[in-house]
């Protein structure tokens, strides 16, 4: 099983384990490759996927690794929002993400075993003496659009991460969006799950995603 990690800085900063140290069952013997860059919006990521697909066989593995089976882990879209809460723009962003995901899957052959997409998350920089409600609402609306879009694509798995890294992780994203729209939030991001920049996940934060990936990879094998 090969795992392709593709996306923005949340992927480029993910501390990937060596195969011998994998969190997955040894029987999976996973290898991994990464196609990611800090600051990536959808367009440059899509362009890089197009280029790489022409120069390397799926799933864009490095060093001539052409596995019989592979899964994709991806996240992108947060950098596209720029705190825009315009519904049409958010709908367009969700549609472009899904189109990009299709390119990542590459084919519907037996080699492709699934794609895990990690949705936008509320982050510490949004909270403070003056909460950035516009940014929160943009992330919440994109998450809602993606939830709906991925529901229609059973070959992919969407993970609603909106509240995952907050002190009310059990709160539904729908309830959270209502609270944000009303500018009455009684929750905040857990800073220990993020680095000091209040933007990127810490090792503790990544462990939450790794646990999800472990379950998904096992189910996909």
Protein backbone atom coordinates (compact mmCIF):
# COMPACT_ATOMS: atom_id res chain seq x y z
CA UNK A 1 0.00 0.00 0.00
CA UNK A 2 1.34 3.42 -1.01
CA UNK A 3 0.11 6.67 0.56
CA UNK A 4 0.29 9.89 -1.46
CA UNK A 5 0.08 13.05 0.67
CA UNK A 6 -0.95 16.08 -1.37
CA UNK A 7 -1.89 19.61 -0.36
CA UNK A 8 -0.84 22.85 1.27
CA UNK A 9 1.32 23.54 4.35
CA UNK A 10 -0.80 21.21 6.50
CA UNK A 11 0.58 18.43 4.31
CA UNK A 12 4.08 19.79 3.71
CA UNK A 13 4.67 20.12 7.47
CA UNK A 14 3.17 16.71 8.32
CA UNK A 15 5.98 14.64 9.93
CA UNK A 16 5.64 11.48 7.86
CA UNK A 17 6.81 8.26 9.53
CA UNK A 18 9.32 5.98 7.87
CA UNK A 19 7.71 2.74 6.67
CA UNK A 20 9.27 0.79 9.54
CA UNK A 21 7.78 3.28 12.00
CA UNK A 22 4.36 3.46 10.41
CA UNK A 23 1.29 3.78 12.58
CA UNK A 24 -0.40 1.27 10.31
CA UNK A 25 -0.40 -2.49 10.64
CA UNK A 26 2.92 -3.99 9.51
CA UNK A 27 1.07 -6.13 6.98
CA UNK A 28 0.26 -2.99 4.99
CA UNK A 29 3.96 -2.20 4.54
CA UNK A 30 3.10 1.32 3.38
CA UNK A 31 5.43 3.56 1.45
CA UNK A 32 4.67 7.23 0.99
CA UNK A 33 5.33 10.23 -1.23
CA UNK A 34 4.42 13.87 -0.86
CA UNK A 35 3.27 16.51 -3.31
CA UNK A 36 2.80 19.63 -1.18
CA UNK A 37 3.90 23.22 -0.67
CA UNK A 38 3.25 25.89 1.95
CA UNK A 39 0.85 28.55 0.72
CA UNK A 40 -0.61 26.42 -2.04
CA UNK A 41 -4.02 27.45 -3.26
CA UNK A 42 -6.05 25.17 -5.51
CA UNK A 43 -4.68 26.50 -8.83
CA UNK A 44 -0.92 25.87 -8.34
CA UNK A 45 -1.68 22.52 -6.73
CA UNK A 46 -3.81 21.56 -9.73
CA UNK A 47 -1.08 22.69 -12.11
CA UNK A 48 1.52 20.62 -10.28
CA UNK A 49 -0.76 17.57 -10.35
CA UNK A 50 -1.19 18.00 -14.12
CA UNK A 51 2.57 18.27 -14.62
CA UNK A 52 3.42 15.36 -12.36
CA UNK A 53 0.81 13.11 -13.92
CA UNK A 54 2.50 13.61 -17.29
CA UNK A 55 5.97 12.82 -16.00
CA UNK A 56 5.36 10.11 -13.40
CA UNK A 57 3.00 7.16 -13.37
CA UNK A 58 0.15 7.24 -10.86
CA UNK A 59 0.05 7.82 -7.98
CA UNK A 60 2.93 10.25 -8.56
CA UNK A 61 5.26 8.13 -6.43
CA UNK A 62 8.94 8.96 -6.18
CA UNK A 63 11.93 6.81 -7.09
CA UNK A 64 10.00 4.73 -9.60
CA UNK A 65 7.66 3.31 -6.98
CA UNK A 66 4.62 2.00 -8.82
CA UNK A 67 2.52 0.24 -6.20
CA UNK A 68 -0.34 -2.11 -6.92
CA UNK A 69 -2.54 -0.18 -4.48
CA UNK A 70 -2.56 3.37 -3.19
CA UNK A 71 -4.62 5.85 -1.21
CA UNK A 72 -4.45 9.63 -1.20
CA UNK A 73 -4.52 11.99 1.79
CA UNK A 74 -5.23 15.59 0.89
CA UNK A 75 -6.24 19.00 2.18
CA UNK A 76 -6.40 22.33 0.37
CA UNK A 77 -8.69 25.34 0.15
CA UNK A 78 -8.02 27.34 3.31
CA UNK A 79 -5.55 29.60 1.48
CA UNK A 80 -8.13 30.31 -1.23
CA UNK A 81 -10.67 31.83 1.11
CA UNK A 82 -8.90 34.98 2.33
CA UNK A 83 -11.77 35.46 4.78
CA UNK A 84 -14.29 35.71 1.93
CA UNK A 85 -17.80 34.75 3.05
CA UNK A 86 -19.32 35.21 -0.41
CA UNK A 87 -21.52 32.17 -1.03
CA UNK A 88 -20.83 32.00 -4.77
CA UNK A 89 -17.08 32.11 -4.25
CA UNK A 90 -17.24 29.43 -1.55
CA UNK A 91 -19.37 27.21 -3.81
CA UNK A 92 -16.84 27.67 -6.62
CA UNK A 93 -13.98 26.81 -4.24
CA UNK A 94 -15.74 23.61 -3.16
CA UNK A 95 -16.33 22.61 -6.80
CA UNK A 96 -12.69 23.25 -7.70
CA UNK A 97 -11.52 21.17 -4.74
CA UNK A 98 -13.63 18.24 -5.91
CA UNK A 99 -12.28 18.57 -9.46
CA UNK A 100 -8.74 18.57 -8.10
CA UNK A 101 -9.49 15.52 -5.97
CA UNK A 102 -10.63 13.70 -9.11
CA UNK A 103 -7.24 14.38 -10.66
CA UNK A 104 -5.55 12.99 -7.57
CA UNK A 105 -7.52 9.77 -7.79
CA UNK A 106 -6.20 9.47 -11.37
CA UNK A 107 -8.28 6.44 -12.29
CA UNK A 108 -11.01 4.08 -11.16
CA UNK A 109 -8.79 1.04 -11.62
CA UNK A 110 -8.02 -1.48 -8.91
CA UNK A 111 -4.85 0.45 -8.00
CA UNK A 112 -6.80 3.37 -6.50
CA UNK A 113 -8.18 2.33 -3.12
CA UNK A 114 -9.51 5.60 -1.77
CA UNK A 115 -8.99 9.23 -0.89
CA UNK A 116 -9.17 10.84 2.54
CA UNK A 117 -9.86 14.58 2.37
CA UNK A 118 -9.32 16.62 5.54
CA UNK A 119 -11.62 19.63 5.69
CA UNK A 120 -10.92 23.17 6.97
CA UNK A 121 -10.36 23.60 10.70
CA UNK A 122 -10.80 26.48 13.13
CA UNK A 123 -7.36 27.74 14.21
CA UNK A 124 -6.02 29.79 17.16
CA UNK A 125 -5.28 32.92 15.10
CA UNK A 126 -9.03 33.37 14.59
CA UNK A 127 -9.67 33.76 18.32
CA UNK A 128 -8.67 36.58 20.63
CA UNK A 129 -9.88 39.86 22.08
CA UNK A 130 -11.44 40.48 18.66
CA UNK A 131 -12.52 37.21 17.08
CA UNK A 132 -12.15 37.00 13.30
CA UNK A 133 -15.73 35.97 12.63
CA UNK A 134 -15.39 36.49 8.87
CA UNK A 135 -12.58 33.94 8.66
CA UNK A 136 -14.44 31.50 10.90
CA UNK A 137 -17.60 31.83 8.84
CA UNK A 138 -15.73 31.35 5.56
CA UNK A 139 -14.17 28.13 6.87
CA UNK A 140 -17.51 26.93 8.26
CA UNK A 141 -19.36 27.60 5.00
CA UNK A 142 -16.69 25.87 2.91
CA UNK A 143 -16.84 22.90 5.27
CA UNK A 144 -20.62 22.71 4.86
CA UNK A 145 -20.32 22.84 1.06
CA UNK A 146 -17.67 20.13 1.06
CA UNK A 147 -19.72 17.91 3.37
CA UNK A 148 -22.56 18.03 0.86
CA UNK A 149 -20.33 17.57 -2.19
CA UNK A 150 -18.45 14.59 -0.80
CA UNK A 151 -21.67 12.91 0.32
CA UNK A 152 -22.36 12.37 -3.36
CA UNK A 153 -18.95 10.77 -3.94
CA UNK A 154 -18.81 7.50 -1.96
CA UNK A 155 -15.41 6.61 -3.40
CA UNK A 156 -13.92 9.42 -1.28
CA UNK A 157 -13.94 9.97 2.47
CA UNK A 158 -14.45 13.51 3.76
CA UNK A 159 -13.44 14.34 7.33
CA UNK A 160 -15.23 17.27 8.96
CA UNK A 161 -12.35 18.89 10.86
CA UNK A 162 -14.02 22.21 11.66
CA UNK A 163 -14.30 21.60 15.44
CA UNK A 164 -11.77 18.80 15.75
CA UNK A 165 -9.05 20.99 17.22
CA UNK A 166 -11.24 23.11 19.51
CA UNK A 167 -12.21 22.75 23.16
CA UNK A 168 -15.69 21.67 22.00
CA UNK A 169 -14.77 19.01 19.48
CA UNK A 170 -18.08 17.20 20.03
CA UNK A 171 -20.08 20.23 18.86
CA UNK A 172 -21.53 19.74 15.39
CA UNK A 173 -20.20 21.93 12.61
CA UNK A 174 -23.77 23.07 11.86
CA UNK A 175 -24.24 24.33 15.42
CA UNK A 176 -20.82 25.95 15.31
CA UNK A 177 -21.67 27.77 12.07
CA UNK A 178 -24.86 29.12 13.62
CA UNK A 179 -22.93 30.40 16.64
CA UNK A 180 -20.29 32.00 14.42
CA UNK A 181 -22.91 33.67 12.20
CA UNK A 182 -24.54 35.10 15.33
CA UNK A 183 -21.10 36.14 16.65
CA UNK A 184 -21.71 34.26 19.87
CA UNK A 185 -18.99 31.66 20.22
CA UNK A 186 -18.23 29.94 23.51
CA UNK A 187 -15.41 27.80 22.14
CA UNK A 188 -11.82 28.30 21.03
CA UNK A 189 -9.03 26.40 19.32
CA UNK A 190 -6.84 24.28 21.58
CA UNK A 191 -3.48 25.97 21.32
CA UNK A 192 -1.52 22.89 22.43
CA UNK A 193 -2.65 21.20 19.19
CA UNK A 194 -0.99 23.96 17.16
CA UNK A 195 2.48 25.38 16.75
CA UNK A 196 3.39 28.79 18.15
CA UNK A 197 2.38 30.45 14.89
CA UNK A 198 -1.25 29.61 15.83
CA UNK A 199 -1.74 28.31 12.31
CA UNK A 200 -0.05 24.94 11.79
CA UNK A 201 -0.64 21.76 13.75
CA UNK A 202 1.75 20.58 16.43
CA UNK A 203 2.87 16.97 16.74
CA UNK A 204 -0.07 16.42 19.10
CA UNK A 205 -2.44 17.82 16.49
CA UNK A 206 -1.07 15.61 13.73
CA UNK A 207 -1.59 12.55 15.92
CA UNK A 208 -5.35 13.11 15.60
CA UNK A 209 -5.08 13.00 11.81
CA UNK A 210 -2.72 10.03 11.92
CA UNK A 211 -5.26 8.06 13.95
CA UNK A 212 -7.91 8.77 11.30
CA UNK A 213 -5.54 7.74 8.53
CA UNK A 214 -4.67 4.51 10.31
CA UNK A 215 -8.32 3.47 10.42
CA UNK A 216 -8.93 4.54 6.82
CA UNK A 217 -5.85 2.76 5.45
CA UNK A 218 -6.75 -0.43 7.27
CA UNK A 219 -10.30 -0.35 5.91
CA UNK A 220 -9.04 0.36 2.37
CA UNK A 221 -6.54 -2.49 2.23
